[in-house]
Protein backbone atom coordinates (compact mmCIF):
# COMPACT_ATOMS: atom_id res chain seq x y z
CA MET A 1 84.53 -82.36 29.56
CA THR A 2 86.47 -82.65 26.33
CA PRO A 3 89.31 -80.26 25.51
CA THR A 4 87.30 -78.84 22.60
CA HIS A 5 84.30 -78.16 24.82
CA ARG A 6 86.54 -76.58 27.46
CA PHE A 7 88.14 -74.35 24.80
CA LEU A 8 84.73 -73.24 23.52
CA VAL A 9 83.55 -72.44 27.04
CA ARG A 10 86.67 -70.35 27.68
CA LEU A 11 86.24 -68.62 24.34
CA ARG A 12 82.62 -67.80 25.15
CA HIS A 13 83.61 -66.39 28.54
CA ARG A 14 86.38 -64.32 26.96
CA ALA A 15 83.98 -62.93 24.34
CA ALA A 16 81.46 -62.00 27.04
CA TYR A 17 84.19 -60.29 29.06
CA CYS A 18 85.40 -58.28 26.04
CA TYR A 19 81.82 -57.29 25.22
CA GLU A 20 81.32 -56.12 28.80
CA LEU A 21 84.50 -54.02 28.64
CA LEU A 22 83.35 -52.51 25.36
CA LEU A 23 80.01 -51.52 26.88
CA TYR A 24 81.75 -49.91 29.87
CA ALA A 25 84.06 -47.98 27.52
CA LEU A 26 81.07 -46.75 25.51
CA LEU A 27 79.31 -45.70 28.71
CA LEU A 28 82.35 -43.74 29.85
CA ALA A 29 82.63 -42.08 26.45
CA LEU A 30 78.96 -41.09 26.63
CA VAL A 31 79.40 -39.63 30.12
CA PHE A 32 82.47 -37.72 28.95
CA ALA A 33 80.66 -36.36 25.89
CA VAL A 34 77.67 -35.22 27.95
CA GLY A 35 79.98 -33.60 30.48
CA LEU A 36 81.91 -31.85 27.73
CA ALA A 37 78.72 -30.61 26.03
CA SER A 38 77.29 -29.24 29.27
CA SER A 39 80.48 -27.39 30.24
CA PRO A 40 80.37 -23.58 30.01
CA ALA A 41 83.06 -23.54 27.30
CA GLY A 42 80.98 -25.85 25.13
CA ALA A 43 77.88 -23.73 25.63
CA GLU A 44 79.65 -20.57 24.45
CA ASP A 45 80.69 -22.22 21.20
CA ALA A 46 77.05 -22.88 20.32
CA GLN A 47 76.32 -19.14 19.90
CA CYS A 48 78.25 -18.22 16.80
CA GLY A 49 77.15 -15.68 14.25
CA ASN A 50 75.23 -12.45 14.47
CA ILE A 51 72.47 -12.53 17.06
CA GLN A 52 70.54 -9.70 15.34
CA SER A 53 70.32 -11.57 12.07
CA SER A 54 69.03 -14.68 13.83
CA ALA A 55 66.26 -12.59 15.43
CA ALA A 56 65.21 -11.35 11.98
CA VAL A 57 64.96 -14.92 10.75
CA ILE A 58 62.73 -15.85 13.66
CA THR A 59 60.30 -12.94 13.06
CA LYS A 60 59.82 -13.60 9.33
């Protein structure tokens, strides 16, 4: 195995490892975002505005 080939193999393994870490970080961010959106505090923020006016818009 030549030094160049060995370097390329190591580089490929390092790139695969970094890609795997990136995917795990994205998965954790997705889990955190879903958990934050489903929390009771996040659900209360979704109802802003006048509820009576929104009912009038639905009946039109």
